[in-house]
PDB file of all heavy atoms in Angstrom:
ATOM      1  N   LEU A   1      15.267  12.242   2.863  1.00  0.00           N
ATOM      2  CA  LEU A   1      14.304  13.299   2.426  1.00  0.00           C
ATOM      3  C   LEU A   1      13.481  13.730   3.678  1.00  0.00           C
ATOM      4  O   LEU A   1      13.210  12.810   4.442  1.00  0.00           O
ATOM      5  CB  LEU A   1      13.257  12.773   1.341  1.00  0.00           C
ATOM      6  CG  LEU A   1      13.823  12.701  -0.020  1.00  0.00           C
ATOM      7  CD1 LEU A   1      12.752  11.999  -0.860  1.00  0.00           C
ATOM      8  CD2 LEU A   1      14.169  14.157  -0.554  1.00  0.00           C
ATOM      9  N   SER A   2      13.281  14.968   3.860  1.00  0.00           N
ATOM     10  CA  SER A   2      12.405  15.387   5.045  1.00  0.00           C
ATOM     11  C   SER A   2      11.596  16.633   4.573  1.00  0.00           C
ATOM     12  O   SER A   2      11.812  17.155   3.394  1.00  0.00           O
ATOM     13  CB  SER A   2      13.255  15.656   6.218  1.00  0.00           C
ATOM     14  OG  SER A   2      14.133  16.754   5.972  1.00  0.00           O
ATOM     15  N   GLU A   3      10.616  17.050   5.333  1.00  0.00           N
ATOM     16  CA  GLU A   3       9.753  18.111   5.141  1.00  0.00           C
ATOM     17  C   GLU A   3      10.580  19.414   4.649  1.00  0.00           C
ATOM     18  O   GLU A   3      11.644  19.675   5.280  1.00  0.00           O
ATOM     19  CB  GLU A   3       8.853  18.429   6.343  1.00  0.00           C
ATOM     20  CG  GLU A   3       7.674  19.327   6.101  1.00  0.00           C
ATOM     21  CD  GLU A   3       6.741  19.385   7.255  1.00  0.00           C
ATOM     22  OE1 GLU A   3       7.026  18.849   8.312  1.00  0.00           O
ATOM     23  OE2 GLU A   3       5.563  19.875   6.992  1.00  0.00           O
ATOM     24  N   GLY A   4      10.103  20.035   3.563  1.00  0.00           N
ATOM     25  CA  GLY A   4      10.761  21.259   3.099  1.00  0.00           C
ATOM     26  C   GLY A   4      11.584  20.920   1.737  1.00  0.00           C
ATOM     27  O   GLY A   4      11.778  21.846   1.080  1.00  0.00           O
ATOM     28  N   ALA A   5      11.737  19.675   1.542  1.00  0.00           N
ATOM     29  CA  ALA A   5      12.458  19.229   0.247  1.00  0.00           C
ATOM     30  C   ALA A   5      11.592  19.545  -1.026  1.00  0.00           C
ATOM     31  O   ALA A   5      10.394  19.193  -0.808  1.00  0.00           O
ATOM     32  CB  ALA A   5      13.074  17.843   0.303  1.00  0.00           C
ATOM     33  N   LYS A   6      12.150  19.951  -2.051  1.00  0.00           N
ATOM     34  CA  LYS A   6      11.301  20.054  -3.298  1.00  0.00           C
ATOM     35  C   LYS A   6      12.242  19.736  -4.447  1.00  0.00           C
ATOM     36  O   LYS A   6      13.124  20.448  -4.772  1.00  0.00           O
ATOM     37  CB  LYS A   6      10.912  21.548  -3.414  1.00  0.00           C
ATOM     38  CG  LYS A   6      10.007  22.034  -2.453  1.00  0.00           C
ATOM     39  CD  LYS A   6       9.608  23.537  -2.516  1.00  0.00           C
ATOM     40  CE  LYS A   6       8.778  23.967  -1.429  1.00  0.00           C
ATOM     41  NZ  LYS A   6       8.364  25.230  -1.656  1.00  0.00           N
ATOM     42  N   ASN A   7      12.036  18.524  -5.018  1.00  0.00           N
ATOM     43  CA  ASN A   7      12.884  18.025  -6.079  1.00  0.00           C
ATOM     44  C   ASN A   7      12.258  16.794  -6.647  1.00  0.00           C
ATOM     45  O   ASN A   7      11.219  16.257  -6.187  1.00  0.00           O
ATOM     46  CB  ASN A   7      14.251  17.760  -5.614  1.00  0.00           C
ATOM     47  CG  ASN A   7      14.373  16.835  -4.480  1.00  0.00           C
ATOM     48  OD1 ASN A   7      13.700  15.746  -4.378  1.00  0.00           O
ATOM     49  ND2 ASN A   7      15.288  17.074  -3.504  1.00  0.00           N
ATOM     50  N   THR A   8      12.797  16.169  -7.576  1.00  0.00           N
ATOM     51  CA  THR A   8      12.261  15.006  -8.254  1.00  0.00           C
ATOM     52  C   THR A   8      12.383  13.820  -7.492  1.00  0.00           C
ATOM     53  O   THR A   8      11.518  12.859  -7.651  1.00  0.00           O
ATOM     54  CB  THR A   8      13.128  14.731  -9.661  1.00  0.00           C
ATOM     55  OG1 THR A   8      14.387  14.465  -9.373  1.00  0.00           O
ATOM     56  CG2 THR A   8      12.851  15.792 -10.552  1.00  0.00           C
ATOM     57  N   ALA A   9      13.190  13.776  -6.424  1.00  0.00           N
ATOM     58  CA  ALA A   9      13.417  12.522  -5.484  1.00  0.00           C
ATOM     59  C   ALA A   9      11.955  12.612  -4.691  1.00  0.00           C
ATOM     60  O   ALA A   9      11.493  11.411  -4.364  1.00  0.00           O
ATOM     61  CB  ALA A   9      14.489  12.705  -4.645  1.00  0.00           C
ATOM     62  N   VAL A  10      11.470  13.717  -4.304  1.00  0.00           N
ATOM     63  CA  VAL A  10      10.229  13.712  -3.600  1.00  0.00           C
ATOM     64  C   VAL A  10       9.019  13.162  -4.536  1.00  0.00           C
ATOM     65  O   VAL A  10       8.255  12.475  -4.037  1.00  0.00           O
ATOM     66  CB  VAL A  10       9.933  15.138  -3.101  1.00  0.00           C
ATOM     67  CG1 VAL A  10       8.564  15.268  -2.411  1.00  0.00           C
ATOM     68  CG2 VAL A  10      11.006  15.787  -2.197  1.00  0.00           C
ATOM     69  N   THR A  11       9.096  13.600  -5.686  1.00  0.00           N
ATOM     70  CA  THR A  11       8.111  13.118  -6.731  1.00  0.00           C
ATOM     71  C   THR A  11       8.172  11.657  -6.592  1.00  0.00           C
ATOM     72  O   THR A  11       7.046  10.982  -6.704  1.00  0.00           O
ATOM     73  CB  THR A  11       8.339  13.700  -8.066  1.00  0.00           C
ATOM     74  OG1 THR A  11       8.375  15.100  -8.015  1.00  0.00           O
ATOM     75  CG2 THR A  11       7.194  13.258  -9.058  1.00  0.00           C
ATOM     76  N   ALA A  12       9.279  10.978  -6.864  1.00  0.00           N
ATOM     77  CA  ALA A  12       9.501   9.521  -6.892  1.00  0.00           C
ATOM     78  C   ALA A  12       8.829   8.888  -5.558  1.00  0.00           C
ATOM     79  O   ALA A  12       8.173   7.944  -5.561  1.00  0.00           O
ATOM     80  CB  ALA A  12      10.923   9.211  -7.034  1.00  0.00           C
ATOM     81  N   LEU A  13       9.232   9.479  -4.411  1.00  0.00           N
ATOM     82  CA  LEU A  13       8.633   9.099  -3.191  1.00  0.00           C
ATOM     83  C   LEU A  13       7.090   9.076  -3.159  1.00  0.00           C
ATOM     84  O   LEU A  13       6.464   8.114  -2.625  1.00  0.00           O
ATOM     85  CB  LEU A  13       9.263   9.835  -1.909  1.00  0.00           C
ATOM     86  CG  LEU A  13       8.690   9.492  -0.657  1.00  0.00           C
ATOM     87  CD1 LEU A  13       9.053   7.947  -0.241  1.00  0.00           C
ATOM     88  CD2 LEU A  13       9.359  10.347   0.414  1.00  0.00           C
ATOM     89  N   GLN A  14       6.629  10.229  -3.533  1.00  0.00           N
ATOM     90  CA  GLN A  14       5.221  10.347  -3.584  1.00  0.00           C
ATOM     91  C   GLN A  14       4.674   9.296  -4.522  1.00  0.00           C
ATOM     92  O   GLN A  14       3.484   8.789  -4.141  1.00  0.00           O
ATOM     93  CB  GLN A  14       4.858  11.831  -4.039  1.00  0.00           C
ATOM     94  CG  GLN A  14       5.239  12.858  -2.984  1.00  0.00           C
ATOM     95  CD  GLN A  14       5.204  14.284  -3.460  1.00  0.00           C
ATOM     96  OE1 GLN A  14       5.423  14.544  -4.666  1.00  0.00           O
ATOM     97  NE2 GLN A  14       4.844  15.222  -2.690  1.00  0.00           N
ATOM     98  N   ARG A  15       5.062   9.139  -5.642  1.00  0.00           N
ATOM     99  CA  ARG A  15       4.547   8.070  -6.608  1.00  0.00           C
ATOM    100  C   ARG A  15       4.565   6.704  -5.963  1.00  0.00           C
ATOM    101  O   ARG A  15       3.557   6.023  -6.135  1.00  0.00           O
ATOM    102  CB  ARG A  15       5.375   8.118  -7.950  1.00  0.00           C
ATOM    103  CG  ARG A  15       4.971   9.293  -8.774  1.00  0.00           C
ATOM    104  CD  ARG A  15       5.707   9.154 -10.142  1.00  0.00           C
ATOM    105  NE  ARG A  15       4.932   8.228 -10.890  1.00  0.00           N
ATOM    106  CZ  ARG A  15       5.511   7.085 -11.494  1.00  0.00           C
ATOM    107  NH1 ARG A  15       6.782   6.866 -11.262  1.00  0.00           N
ATOM    108  NH2 ARG A  15       4.708   6.261 -12.085  1.00  0.00           N
ATOM    109  N   MET A  16       5.687   6.406  -5.230  1.00  0.00           N
ATOM    110  CA  MET A  16       5.732   5.097  -4.655  1.00  0.00           C
ATOM    111  C   MET A  16       4.577   4.881  -3.606  1.00  0.00           C
ATOM    112  O   MET A  16       4.052   3.837  -3.537  1.00  0.00           O
ATOM    113  CB  MET A  16       7.156   4.978  -3.975  1.00  0.00           C
ATOM    114  CG  MET A  16       8.340   4.853  -4.989  1.00  0.00           C
ATOM    115  SD  MET A  16       9.904   5.363  -4.182  1.00  0.00           S
ATOM    116  CE  MET A  16      10.193   4.156  -2.983  1.00  0.00           C
ATOM    117  N   MET A  17       4.372   5.931  -2.879  1.00  0.00           N
ATOM    118  CA  MET A  17       3.305   5.934  -1.743  1.00  0.00           C
ATOM    119  C   MET A  17       1.973   5.844  -2.401  1.00  0.00           C
ATOM    120  O   MET A  17       1.028   5.081  -1.952  1.00  0.00           O
ATOM    121  CB  MET A  17       3.478   6.947  -0.764  1.00  0.00           C
ATOM    122  CG  MET A  17       4.716   6.900   0.027  1.00  0.00           C
ATOM    123  SD  MET A  17       4.854   8.099   1.412  1.00  0.00           S
ATOM    124  CE  MET A  17       4.954   9.624   0.691  1.00  0.00           C
ATOM    125  N   TYR A  18       1.703   6.531  -3.495  1.00  0.00           N
ATOM    126  CA  TYR A  18       0.393   6.561  -4.194  1.00  0.00           C
ATOM    127  C   TYR A  18       0.044   5.289  -4.703  1.00  0.00           C
ATOM    128  O   TYR A  18      -0.961   4.765  -4.461  1.00  0.00           O
ATOM    129  CB  TYR A  18       0.512   7.658  -5.249  1.00  0.00           C
ATOM    130  CG  TYR A  18      -0.849   7.788  -6.018  1.00  0.00           C
ATOM    131  CD1 TYR A  18      -1.736   8.770  -5.620  1.00  0.00           C
ATOM    132  CD2 TYR A  18      -1.052   7.046  -7.030  1.00  0.00           C
ATOM    133  CE1 TYR A  18      -2.942   8.896  -6.320  1.00  0.00           C
ATOM    134  CE2 TYR A  18      -2.302   7.148  -7.864  1.00  0.00           C
ATOM    135  CZ  TYR A  18      -3.274   8.045  -7.334  1.00  0.00           C
ATOM    136  OH  TYR A  18      -4.383   8.243  -8.105  1.00  0.00           O
ATOM    137  N   TYR A  19       1.060   4.722  -5.447  1.00  0.00           N
ATOM    138  CA  TYR A  19       0.696   3.397  -6.215  1.00  0.00           C
ATOM    139  C   TYR A  19       0.893   2.139  -5.300  1.00  0.00           C
ATOM    140  O   TYR A  19       0.092   1.296  -5.464  1.00  0.00           O
ATOM    141  CB  TYR A  19       1.660   3.326  -7.444  1.00  0.00           C
ATOM    142  CG  TYR A  19       1.201   4.233  -8.552  1.00  0.00           C
ATOM    143  CD1 TYR A  19       2.013   5.376  -8.841  1.00  0.00           C
ATOM    144  CD2 TYR A  19      -0.052   4.091  -9.208  1.00  0.00           C
ATOM    145  CE1 TYR A  19       1.673   6.234  -9.759  1.00  0.00           C
ATOM    146  CE2 TYR A  19      -0.371   5.053 -10.203  1.00  0.00           C
ATOM    147  CZ  TYR A  19       0.396   6.173 -10.529  1.00  0.00           C
ATOM    148  OH  TYR A  19       0.028   7.002 -11.438  1.00  0.00           O
ATOM    149  N   CYS A  20       1.749   2.185  -4.484  1.00  0.00           N
ATOM    150  CA  CYS A  20       2.058   0.887  -3.724  1.00  0.00           C
ATOM    151  C   CYS A  20       1.590   0.936  -2.324  1.00  0.00           C
ATOM    152  O   CYS A  20       1.359  -0.259  -1.776  1.00  0.00           O
ATOM    153  CB  CYS A  20       3.602   0.809  -3.628  1.00  0.00           C
ATOM    154  SG  CYS A  20       4.466   0.609  -5.214  1.00  0.00           S
ATOM    155  N   TYR A  21       1.151   2.044  -1.862  1.00  0.00           N
ATOM    156  CA  TYR A  21       0.690   2.084  -0.440  1.00  0.00           C
ATOM    157  C   TYR A  21      -0.691   2.816  -0.265  1.00  0.00           C
ATOM    158  O   TYR A  21      -1.160   3.145   0.880  1.00  0.00           O
ATOM    159  CB  TYR A  21       1.749   2.588   0.586  1.00  0.00           C
ATOM    160  CG  TYR A  21       2.915   1.790   0.591  1.00  0.00           C
ATOM    161  CD1 TYR A  21       3.923   2.073  -0.196  1.00  0.00           C
ATOM    162  CD2 TYR A  21       2.892   0.675   1.414  1.00  0.00           C
ATOM    163  CE1 TYR A  21       5.165   1.230  -0.321  1.00  0.00           C
ATOM    164  CE2 TYR A  21       4.067  -0.262   1.347  1.00  0.00           C
ATOM    165  CZ  TYR A  21       5.175   0.086   0.515  1.00  0.00           C
ATOM    166  OH  TYR A  21       6.237  -0.728   0.465  1.00  0.00           O
ATOM    167  N   SER A  22      -1.348   3.006  -1.389  1.00  0.00           N
ATOM    168  CA  SER A  22      -2.829   3.421  -1.371  1.00  0.00           C
ATOM    169  C   SER A  22      -2.951   4.859  -0.801  1.00  0.00           C
ATOM    170  O   SER A  22      -3.788   5.207  -0.194  1.00  0.00           O
ATOM    171  CB  SER A  22      -3.761   2.489  -0.782  1.00  0.00           C
ATOM    172  OG  SER A  22      -3.780   1.234  -1.465  1.00  0.00           O
ATOM    173  N   GLU A  23      -1.940   5.597  -0.998  1.00  0.00           N
ATOM    174  CA  GLU A  23      -2.001   7.097  -0.556  1.00  0.00           C
ATOM    175  C   GLU A  23      -2.613   7.877  -1.656  1.00  0.00           C
ATOM    176  O   GLU A  23      -1.921   8.765  -2.224  1.00  0.00           O
ATOM    177  CB  GLU A  23      -0.581   7.532  -0.073  1.00  0.00           C
ATOM    178  CG  GLU A  23      -0.044   6.932   1.155  1.00  0.00           C
ATOM    179  CD  GLU A  23      -0.980   7.251   2.393  1.00  0.00           C
ATOM    180  OE1 GLU A  23      -1.644   8.255   2.379  1.00  0.00           O
ATOM    181  OE2 GLU A  23      -0.767   6.511   3.428  1.00  0.00           O
ATOM    182  N   LYS A  24      -3.912   7.584  -1.915  1.00  0.00           N
ATOM    183  CA  LYS A  24      -4.561   8.217  -3.130  1.00  0.00           C
ATOM    184  C   LYS A  24      -4.807   9.661  -3.013  1.00  0.00           C
ATOM    185  O   LYS A  24      -5.103  10.297  -4.104  1.00  0.00           O
ATOM    186  CB  LYS A  24      -5.922   7.448  -3.402  1.00  0.00           C
ATOM    187  CG  LYS A  24      -5.583   5.921  -3.708  1.00  0.00           C
ATOM    188  CD  LYS A  24      -4.688   5.648  -4.895  1.00  0.00           C
ATOM    189  CE  LYS A  24      -4.483   4.137  -5.132  1.00  0.00           C
ATOM    190  NZ  LYS A  24      -3.462   3.913  -5.961  1.00  0.00           N
ATOM    191  N   SER A  25      -4.802  10.272  -1.896  1.00  0.00           N
ATOM    192  CA  SER A  25      -5.030  11.720  -1.752  1.00  0.00           C
ATOM    193  C   SER A  25      -3.655  12.487  -1.852  1.00  0.00           C
ATOM    194  O   SER A  25      -3.801  13.753  -1.952  1.00  0.00           O
ATOM    195  CB  SER A  25      -5.529  11.976  -0.296  1.00  0.00           C
ATOM    196  OG  SER A  25      -4.627  11.715   0.650  1.00  0.00           O
ATOM    197  N   LEU A  26      -2.661  11.787  -2.119  1.00  0.00           N
ATOM    198  CA  LEU A  26      -1.310  12.451  -2.160  1.00  0.00           C
ATOM    199  C   LEU A  26      -1.007  12.752  -3.769  1.00  0.00           C
ATOM    200  O   LEU A  26      -1.207  11.895  -4.575  1.00  0.00           O
ATOM    201  CB  LEU A  26      -0.226  11.376  -1.868  1.00  0.00           C
ATOM    202  CG  LEU A  26       1.084  11.974  -1.547  1.00  0.00           C
ATOM    203  CD1 LEU A  26       1.179  13.055  -0.564  1.00  0.00           C
ATOM    204  CD2 LEU A  26       2.124  10.769  -1.047  1.00  0.00           C
ATOM    205  N   SER A  27      -0.657  13.906  -4.024  1.00  0.00           N
ATOM    206  CA  SER A  27      -0.296  14.260  -5.439  1.00  0.00           C
ATOM    207  C   SER A  27       1.251  14.307  -5.541  1.00  0.00           C
ATOM    208  O   SER A  27       2.039  14.713  -4.562  1.00  0.00           O
ATOM    209  CB  SER A  27      -0.861  15.747  -5.725  1.00  0.00           C
ATOM    210  OG  SER A  27      -0.268  16.696  -4.961  1.00  0.00           O
ATOM    211  N   ALA A  28       1.756  13.834  -6.653  1.00  0.00           N
ATOM    212  CA  ALA A  28       3.123  13.908  -7.011  1.00  0.00           C
ATOM    213  C   ALA A  28       3.642  15.132  -7.496  1.00  0.00           C
ATOM    214  O   ALA A  28       3.784  15.416  -8.680  1.00  0.00           O
ATOM    215  CB  ALA A  28       3.496  12.716  -7.954  1.00  0.00           C
TER     216      ALA A  28
END
């Protein structure tokens, strides 16, 4: 995945970073 992608895989990555790596400013 890289910049420009728009799909559910990006949502999963964003959720992983939000919950597991304290990226609280990131929206899924």
